Structures are given as structure tokens and as C-alpha cells.
Amino acid sequence: MTAINNLLTTGHFFIVIAAELVLLFIGISFLVGLIQEYVPEEKIRRALTTRHTVTGTALGAVFGALTPFCSCSTIPILMGLIRSKVPFGACMAFLFASPLLNPIIIFMILAFFGLVPTLIYFTMTFCIAVFSGIVLERRKFLRYVKPIGTGKGQGTGSPLSSGCSCTNAPTPVVSSSCCSGSPIAQPEPASSGCSCNAAPAPVSGCCSKDIDSASLHRSHIYSALHSALALFRQVLPYLILGAAIGAFIYGFIPEDLIVALAGPGNPLAIPFAAIIGIPMYIRAETIIPISAVLLTKGMGIGAVMALIIGGAGASIPEVTLLASLFEKKLVAAFVATILGVAILTGGLFQILQVTGMVA
């Protein structure tokens, strides 16, 4: 019966997580694509590139800290940033900071450990995210990013290619008759038919501004949706694989075993907790109850923090999704950085507990 219950739990977890990830990925990809349609790439790029490298990378980390998404939800945003040619250091700082400085996690740490540990955690994580972004950019790790499929028309912001479509009989000489009954003669250089497929520019009599605006908005929505679905098809196998592995670990690996292996009596508890946190796939919404249970079972606070950072910062679904975007060297660098943050922060919290600064 236990095996059957575990199997049912695993199946239920897989269905829920897979459904959530699919909806989140498509939804966030669509929103990012829509923003890209309306916000020029140059405007986003200027916000992160017209400053000193450290400042720009720090702004990437700030942007990551302000996004209340789970780790997997940051991937579509990361794709959008890279596609918009935001400096690689800022992109990676965003990637590191987004799951680790999630507002839900910050408030959880504040509730469980108090103000001082929260400030220490935030400062360490933020600084390491910025430092890692700068190092990866200067080491030219951008070359390990795979080509991103964007779909037709993505990021162009161009309206419908078929033109105004208000008339069935285009002519090289007569135009601006698509929205009114009377044709108006134009010079020979005028565009063929009712050409509304250029940026909104005054063309004499060709469609009203309302029709131009409606066509433009429809085009933006279509382009963003097309891009979101293209990205989804690209990463779907990785998403399903990650959800399946995470569900198996969730259903068949007991928490008691984790506590036994990562308890305070084990000198390797903190690095081990950081490592096993990754396949556990600890989402922000589940961190609070899991942390409470592990603490009551006697797990050291340093190991708990390492477990939280490892799970929140580099879950199996996120790593598998990153594998569709990054080559192996960059994926390894990402995981190593998260593990480093987890071990350093966990060790610091363990020291604070020994010295009495943290209960």
C-alpha cells in the first residue's frame, strides 16, 4: 500500500507541477513577448547598458529580486532579456537573484530567523549574484548560449504583413480608398494598394487611425503568442523531464532520510543539503512548511538554509529548462554558483547559530 500511495502521490505531483509549469511558461512567455512588442529593445538595453558594468549588473539583480516568480518562471524572462541583447552579466545576475531573492523567500526568512539574518542573507545572495554575473560576462560565457528560436516576426513589432486588408483590389496608382468609397489619385511612387503594414505614418486617406491602431494591436498580440508557443515547443521535452524527475523525488524520497543524512551531527550536512536541495524541487510556496518540519526534526539551521537555497535556486526543472538554452559549461557554471551560495550562506548561518546570533 505504501508503494501505491507513493505512486499516487508522485503521479498527482507530476500532473499538478507539469500543468503549472506549462501555464506559467506560456503565460509569462506571452507577457514578455507582448512587452517586447510595445517596448523597444533599445529602451530595455539602455536601462541596463548606459551605466558602469557593476551598476548595470546590479540592476539586473534588482530586477530579479523584484520578480515574484518561481525558478522555472524566470526562464522565459531570461530568454527575452538575452534576445533583447541585454548585457550577459545583467542577464545572469537576474537569473541568480530571481529565485533566491524571491519576495516570498525573503519574508519567510524574516519570519523564521529575524531581521539580522534576513539582511545577511539578502546581502550575501545579492552580492554573489552581481559578482557571478560580472565574472561570467568577462569570461565570455555568452558564447555558451544556444541560438534562441523566436518565431516569425518576434520582436519586430510589425503589423500584419498582408497590409490593411480593407480592400480587395489593390492598384499601384489608386490608394486610400479602402475605408471610403471614393478613390484618391496618388503619384506613381505611392505604395501598392492600401499599405497599412508600415509603421503608423500619415498616408493620405488610407484607413482611419482607429483601424490602424486595432490592426497594430492585433499584430502585436499575434506575434507575442506565436513567439510564446515557439519557445514552449522548444523547451517542452525538458520541462516534462524535469517535472517527472522532481515528482519521483517528491514521492519516493522520505524527508526522514534527508534529515538523517543532513543533520547537525554530520560535518558534511551543509554541502550535502545544498546538493540534495536541487532534485527536491522546493518551490517558494512549499518552503515554509518544509523548513518548519525539518527544523523541528533537528536539522541544523545552516543545512536548512543550504537546502532552501539549493532547491529554490537550481531546481531540476529549472536546470533542465536551462539545458535547452545553455550549453553544458554554462549550465555547470550556474549550478556551481548556486551550490556555492548555498554552502557559504549555510555555513555563515551555522556560525551565527553557534555564536547565539541566530536561534
Protein backbone atom coordinates (compact mmCIF):
# COMPACT_ATOMS: atom_id res chain seq x y z
CA MET A 1 0.00 0.00 0.00
CA THR A 2 2.85 2.38 0.78
CA ALA A 3 4.30 1.94 -2.70
CA ILE A 4 0.86 2.53 -4.22
CA ASN A 5 0.38 5.66 -2.13
CA ASN A 6 3.81 6.91 -3.13
CA LEU A 7 2.99 6.23 -6.76
CA LEU A 8 -0.31 8.10 -6.49
CA THR A 9 1.44 10.99 -4.74
CA THR A 10 4.09 11.06 -7.44
CA GLY A 11 1.52 10.99 -10.23
CA HIS A 12 -0.56 13.73 -8.64
CA PHE A 13 2.52 15.89 -8.05
CA PHE A 14 3.68 15.39 -11.63
CA ILE A 15 0.30 16.38 -13.10
CA VAL A 16 0.00 19.45 -10.90
CA ILE A 17 3.58 20.62 -11.44
CA ALA A 18 3.57 19.91 -15.17
CA ALA A 19 0.27 21.77 -15.62
CA GLU A 20 1.50 24.72 -13.56
CA LEU A 21 4.77 24.91 -15.47
CA VAL A 22 3.04 24.73 -18.85
CA LEU A 23 0.61 27.51 -17.96
CA LEU A 24 3.28 29.64 -16.31
CA PHE A 25 5.74 29.20 -19.15
CA ILE A 26 3.28 30.03 -21.92
CA GLY A 27 1.69 32.86 -19.95
CA ILE A 28 4.94 34.53 -18.96
CA SER A 29 6.46 33.97 -22.40
CA PHE A 30 3.42 35.68 -23.91
CA LEU A 31 3.65 38.61 -21.50
CA VAL A 32 7.37 39.04 -22.13
CA GLY A 33 6.79 38.86 -25.88
CA LEU A 34 3.99 41.42 -25.61
CA ILE A 35 6.22 43.77 -23.64
CA GLN A 36 8.90 43.37 -26.29
CA GLU A 37 6.35 44.26 -28.96
CA TYR A 38 5.44 47.53 -27.26
CA VAL A 39 8.70 48.41 -25.53
CA PRO A 40 11.57 48.95 -27.96
CA GLU A 41 14.60 46.75 -27.42
CA GLU A 42 16.76 49.84 -27.29
CA LYS A 43 14.84 51.17 -24.29
CA ILE A 44 15.39 47.98 -22.28
CA ARG A 45 19.01 47.83 -23.36
CA ARG A 46 19.65 51.44 -22.36
CA ALA A 47 18.30 50.85 -18.86
CA LEU A 48 20.97 48.20 -18.26
CA THR A 49 23.83 49.26 -20.51
CA THR A 50 24.31 53.01 -20.21
CA ARG A 51 25.86 52.68 -16.77
CA HIS A 52 29.02 51.19 -15.33
CA THR A 53 29.27 47.42 -15.71
CA VAL A 54 28.87 46.82 -11.98
CA THR A 55 25.86 49.13 -11.80
CA GLY A 56 24.21 47.54 -14.83
CA THR A 57 24.75 44.05 -13.43
CA ALA A 58 23.43 45.17 -10.05
CA LEU A 59 20.31 46.50 -11.78
CA GLY A 60 19.88 43.05 -13.33
CA ALA A 61 19.95 41.54 -9.84
CA VAL A 62 17.47 44.16 -8.60
CA PHE A 63 15.17 43.29 -11.47
CA GLY A 64 15.47 39.63 -10.49
CA ALA A 65 14.68 40.40 -6.84
CA LEU A 66 11.52 42.24 -7.88
CA THR A 67 10.09 39.30 -9.83
CA PRO A 68 7.95 37.12 -7.53
CA PHE A 69 8.20 34.00 -9.68
CA CYS A 70 9.46 30.50 -9.03
CA SER A 71 12.75 29.49 -10.62
CA CYS A 72 11.20 27.95 -13.74
CA SER A 73 9.16 31.05 -14.46
CA THR A 74 12.31 33.16 -14.78
CA ILE A 75 13.49 31.27 -17.88
CA PRO A 76 11.08 32.93 -20.34
CA ILE A 77 12.07 36.33 -18.96
CA LEU A 78 15.75 35.41 -19.27
CA MET A 79 15.18 34.41 -22.89
CA GLY A 80 13.57 37.77 -23.52
CA LEU A 81 16.47 39.64 -21.94
CA ILE A 82 19.06 37.74 -23.98
CA ARG A 83 17.01 38.20 -27.13
CA SER A 84 16.87 41.93 -26.40
CA LYS A 85 20.69 41.94 -26.23
CA VAL A 86 20.84 42.98 -22.58
CA PRO A 87 24.46 42.57 -21.34
CA PHE A 88 25.14 38.99 -20.35
CA GLY A 89 26.29 39.89 -16.84
CA ALA A 90 22.97 41.60 -16.09
CA CYS A 91 21.09 38.61 -17.54
CA MET A 92 22.96 36.15 -15.31
CA ALA A 93 22.60 38.38 -12.24
CA PHE A 94 18.86 38.38 -12.91
CA LEU A 95 18.89 34.58 -13.25
CA PHE A 96 20.74 34.09 -9.95
CA ALA A 97 18.77 36.69 -8.00
CA SER A 98 15.26 35.96 -9.20
CA PRO A 99 14.65 32.66 -7.35
CA LEU A 100 16.99 33.34 -4.41
CA LEU A 101 15.70 36.84 -3.63
CA ASN A 102 12.08 35.98 -4.29
CA PRO A 103 9.95 38.20 -2.00
CA ILE A 104 8.21 35.12 -0.59
CA ILE A 105 11.55 33.63 0.45
CA ILE A 106 12.73 36.92 1.94
CA PHE A 107 9.60 37.25 4.08
CA MET A 108 9.87 33.61 5.14
CA ILE A 109 13.44 34.12 6.34
CA LEU A 110 12.36 37.29 8.12
CA ALA A 111 9.54 35.44 9.88
CA PHE A 112 11.67 32.45 10.90
CA PHE A 113 15.06 33.97 11.65
CA GLY A 114 14.57 37.69 12.25
CA LEU A 115 15.83 40.90 10.70
CA VAL A 116 19.61 40.47 11.05
CA PRO A 117 19.80 37.03 9.37
CA THR A 118 17.48 38.28 6.64
CA LEU A 119 19.73 41.24 5.92
CA ILE A 120 22.79 38.98 5.91
CA TYR A 121 21.09 36.52 3.56
CA PHE A 122 19.93 39.27 1.19
CA THR A 123 23.32 40.99 1.16
CA MET A 124 25.29 37.79 0.53
CA THR A 125 22.96 36.49 -2.16
CA PHE A 126 22.73 39.84 -3.93
CA CYS A 127 26.48 40.42 -3.90
CA ILE A 128 27.26 36.91 -5.14
CA ALA A 129 24.66 37.26 -7.91
CA VAL A 130 26.26 40.51 -9.08
CA PHE A 131 29.81 39.18 -8.74
CA SER A 132 28.96 35.97 -10.61
CA GLY A 133 27.28 37.92 -13.41
CA ILE A 134 30.34 40.14 -13.85
CA VAL A 135 32.73 37.17 -13.84
CA LEU A 136 30.69 35.16 -16.35
CA GLU A 137 30.43 38.16 -18.67
CA ARG A 138 34.14 38.93 -18.51
CA ARG A 139 34.98 35.26 -19.06
CA LYS A 140 32.85 35.48 -22.22
CA PHE A 141 30.40 32.74 -21.21
CA LEU A 142 27.88 34.29 -23.59
CA ARG A 143 29.34 32.04 -26.27
CA TYR A 144 27.78 29.07 -24.46
CA VAL A 145 24.23 30.35 -25.03
CA LYS A 146 22.39 28.36 -27.68
CA PRO A 147 20.52 30.14 -30.50
CA ILE A 148 17.07 31.09 -29.25
CA GLY A 149 14.13 30.31 -31.52
CA THR A 150 11.88 33.34 -31.55
CA GLY A 151 9.29 32.51 -34.14
CA LYS A 152 8.36 34.53 -37.20
CA GLY A 153 8.06 38.19 -36.62
CA GLN A 154 9.10 38.12 -32.98
CA GLY A 155 10.37 41.35 -31.68
CA THR A 156 9.74 43.21 -34.89
CA GLY A 157 6.65 44.90 -33.71
CA SER A 158 5.48 44.96 -37.32
CA PRO A 159 1.80 44.95 -38.09
CA LEU A 160 0.10 42.39 -40.28
CA SER A 161 2.14 41.64 -43.33
CA SER A 162 -0.90 41.41 -45.52
CA GLY A 163 -1.42 45.11 -45.27
CA CYS A 164 -4.64 46.92 -44.41
CA SER A 165 -6.88 44.21 -45.86
CA CYS A 166 -9.69 46.73 -46.21
CA THR A 167 -9.79 46.37 -49.97
CA ASN A 168 -9.84 43.51 -52.41
CA ALA A 169 -8.42 45.37 -55.40
CA PRO A 170 -5.04 46.96 -54.80
CA THR A 171 -3.68 49.19 -57.52
CA PRO A 172 -0.32 50.91 -57.91
CA VAL A 173 -1.84 54.29 -58.70
CA VAL A 174 -5.06 54.46 -56.71
CA SER A 175 -4.89 54.20 -52.94
CA SER A 176 -6.60 55.34 -49.77
CA SER A 177 -9.90 54.02 -50.99
CA CYS A 178 -10.05 51.12 -48.56
CA CYS A 179 -12.12 52.88 -45.94
CA SER A 180 -14.08 55.27 -48.10
CA GLY A 181 -15.98 54.82 -51.31
CA SER A 182 -14.08 57.34 -53.39
CA PRO A 183 -10.57 56.63 -54.65
CA ILE A 184 -7.99 59.37 -54.49
CA ALA A 185 -5.36 59.56 -57.18
CA GLN A 186 -1.79 59.25 -55.95
CA PRO A 187 1.57 59.85 -57.60
CA GLU A 188 3.30 56.83 -59.11
CA PRO A 189 5.68 56.28 -56.13
CA ALA A 190 2.74 55.56 -53.84
CA SER A 191 2.73 52.05 -52.37
CA SER A 192 0.66 49.35 -53.96
CA GLY A 193 -2.88 49.16 -52.67
CA CYS A 194 -3.80 50.11 -49.15
CA SER A 195 -0.49 49.59 -47.45
CA CYS A 196 -1.00 49.69 -43.70
CA ASN A 197 1.86 47.32 -42.98
CA ALA A 198 4.35 50.08 -42.27
CA ALA A 199 4.77 51.89 -39.00
CA PRO A 200 1.81 54.24 -38.40
CA ALA A 201 2.62 57.07 -40.79
CA PRO A 202 0.27 59.53 -42.41
CA VAL A 203 -0.81 58.03 -45.73
CA SER A 204 -3.48 60.13 -47.34
CA GLY A 205 -6.87 58.64 -46.72
CA CYS A 206 -5.72 55.02 -46.19
CA CYS A 207 -7.75 53.65 -43.29
CA SER A 208 -8.72 55.58 -40.24
CA LYS A 209 -6.43 55.87 -37.25
CA ASP A 210 -8.76 53.59 -35.28
CA ILE A 211 -8.43 50.79 -37.83
CA ASP A 212 -4.66 51.27 -37.98
CA SER A 213 -4.44 51.08 -34.19
CA ALA A 214 -6.65 48.00 -33.95
CA SER A 215 -4.63 46.20 -36.63
CA LEU A 216 -1.41 47.13 -34.87
CA HIS A 217 -2.60 45.79 -31.51
CA ARG A 218 -3.84 42.55 -33.09
CA SER A 219 -0.49 42.13 -34.80
CA HIS A 220 1.41 42.64 -31.52
CA ILE A 221 -0.78 40.07 -29.73
CA TYR A 222 -0.43 37.54 -32.54
CA SER A 223 3.33 37.96 -32.71
CA ALA A 224 3.73 37.60 -28.92
CA LEU A 225 1.54 34.48 -28.85
CA HIS A 226 3.39 32.96 -31.81
CA SER A 227 6.71 33.55 -30.05
CA ALA A 228 5.44 32.09 -26.76
CA LEU A 229 4.25 28.90 -28.46
CA ALA A 230 7.51 28.60 -30.41
CA LEU A 231 9.54 28.87 -27.20
CA PHE A 232 7.22 26.40 -25.48
CA ARG A 233 7.68 23.80 -28.21
CA GLN A 234 11.44 24.26 -27.89
CA VAL A 235 11.59 23.52 -24.15
CA LEU A 236 8.61 21.14 -23.70
CA PRO A 237 10.69 17.92 -23.56
CA TYR A 238 12.98 19.42 -20.91
CA LEU A 239 10.01 20.69 -18.92
CA ILE A 240 8.29 17.29 -18.86
CA LEU A 241 11.54 15.51 -17.97
CA GLY A 242 12.23 17.90 -15.12
CA ALA A 243 8.69 17.62 -13.75
CA ALA A 244 8.91 13.81 -13.89
CA ILE A 245 12.23 13.65 -12.02
CA GLY A 246 11.05 16.17 -9.44
CA ALA A 247 7.81 14.23 -8.91
CA PHE A 248 9.70 10.96 -8.41
CA ILE A 249 11.98 12.50 -5.78
CA TYR A 250 9.00 14.15 -4.10
CA GLY A 251 7.02 10.90 -3.90
CA PHE A 252 9.68 8.29 -3.11
CA ILE A 253 12.47 10.01 -1.12
CA PRO A 254 11.38 10.38 2.53
CA GLU A 255 12.22 13.53 4.44
CA ASP A 256 13.48 11.42 7.36
CA LEU A 257 16.28 10.14 5.17
CA ILE A 258 17.24 13.69 4.29
CA VAL A 259 17.32 14.65 7.95
CA ALA A 260 19.45 11.62 8.82
CA LEU A 261 21.97 12.47 6.15
CA ALA A 262 21.97 16.24 6.71
CA GLY A 263 21.53 16.56 10.46
CA PRO A 264 23.67 18.84 12.61
CA GLY A 265 25.90 15.96 13.68
CA ASN A 266 27.16 15.43 10.15
CA PRO A 267 30.13 17.69 9.24
CA LEU A 268 29.12 17.39 5.59
CA ALA A 269 25.49 18.28 6.35
CA ILE A 270 25.58 21.72 4.74
CA PRO A 271 27.16 20.77 1.38
CA PHE A 272 25.04 17.62 1.29
CA ALA A 273 21.87 19.62 1.98
CA ALA A 274 22.77 22.06 -0.78
CA ILE A 275 23.24 19.18 -3.23
CA ILE A 276 20.06 17.29 -2.37
CA GLY A 277 18.06 20.52 -2.41
CA ILE A 278 18.32 20.64 -6.20
CA PRO A 279 16.41 17.41 -7.02
CA MET A 280 13.87 18.09 -4.25
CA TYR A 281 12.45 21.00 -6.32
CA ILE A 282 11.44 23.17 -3.36
CA ARG A 283 9.08 25.84 -4.63
CA ALA A 284 8.71 29.08 -2.72
CA GLU A 285 5.16 28.18 -1.69
CA THR A 286 6.33 24.94 -0.04
CA ILE A 287 9.49 26.22 1.61
CA ILE A 288 7.83 27.47 4.80
CA PRO A 289 6.14 24.17 5.87
CA ILE A 290 9.10 22.03 4.80
CA SER A 291 11.55 24.25 6.66
CA ALA A 292 9.39 24.14 9.78
CA VAL A 293 9.26 20.34 9.69
CA LEU A 294 12.99 19.95 9.11
CA LEU A 295 13.85 22.38 11.91
CA THR A 296 11.58 20.56 14.37
CA LYS A 297 13.21 17.25 13.43
CA GLY A 298 16.60 18.58 14.47
CA MET A 299 18.15 19.60 11.21
CA GLY A 300 20.73 22.37 11.66
CA ILE A 301 19.80 25.86 10.57
CA GLY A 302 22.80 26.03 8.25
CA ALA A 303 21.74 22.84 6.48
CA VAL A 304 18.16 24.10 6.26
CA MET A 305 19.31 27.33 4.62
CA ALA A 306 21.55 25.41 2.22
CA LEU A 307 18.63 23.13 1.37
CA ILE A 308 16.36 26.11 0.73
CA ILE A 309 18.88 27.89 -1.49
CA GLY A 310 19.79 24.75 -3.40
CA GLY A 311 16.17 23.86 -4.06
CA ALA A 312 14.91 27.35 -4.81
CA GLY A 313 17.94 28.43 -6.81
CA ALA A 314 18.59 25.42 -9.04
CA SER A 315 15.68 23.00 -9.11
CA ILE A 316 15.69 20.06 -11.51
CA PRO A 317 13.01 21.61 -13.76
CA GLU A 318 14.96 24.86 -13.96
CA VAL A 319 18.24 23.13 -14.76
CA THR A 320 16.60 21.03 -17.47
CA LEU A 321 15.00 24.14 -18.94
CA LEU A 322 18.35 25.92 -18.87
CA ALA A 323 19.84 22.96 -20.74
CA SER A 324 17.61 23.93 -23.66
CA LEU A 325 19.07 27.44 -23.58
CA PHE A 326 22.67 26.98 -22.36
CA GLU A 327 25.45 24.61 -23.31
CA LYS A 328 26.82 22.24 -20.68
CA LYS A 329 29.63 24.52 -19.50
CA LEU A 330 27.26 27.36 -18.69
CA VAL A 331 24.72 25.05 -17.04
CA ALA A 332 27.54 23.66 -14.88
CA ALA A 333 28.69 27.19 -14.00
CA PHE A 334 25.14 28.11 -12.98
CA VAL A 335 24.71 25.04 -10.77
CA ALA A 336 28.16 25.51 -9.22
CA THR A 337 27.35 29.13 -8.38
CA ILE A 338 24.07 28.20 -6.71
CA LEU A 339 25.79 25.45 -4.72
CA GLY A 340 28.48 27.92 -3.70
CA VAL A 341 25.88 30.41 -2.50
CA ALA A 342 24.06 27.66 -0.60
CA ILE A 343 27.19 26.36 1.13
CA LEU A 344 28.59 29.79 2.01
CA THR A 345 25.27 31.07 3.32
CA GLY A 346 24.54 27.85 5.18
CA GLY A 347 27.98 27.92 6.78
CA LEU A 348 27.51 31.52 7.86
CA PHE A 349 24.13 30.74 9.41
CA GLN A 350 25.63 27.76 11.24
CA ILE A 351 28.32 30.05 12.68
CA LEU A 352 25.68 32.57 13.70
CA GLN A 353 23.72 29.82 15.44
CA VAL A 354 26.78 28.64 17.34
CA THR A 355 27.57 32.19 18.44
CA GLY A 356 23.98 32.72 19.53
CA MET A 357 23.13 35.41 16.98
CA VAL A 358 20.52 33.10 15.43
CA ALA A 359 18.27 30.88 17.50
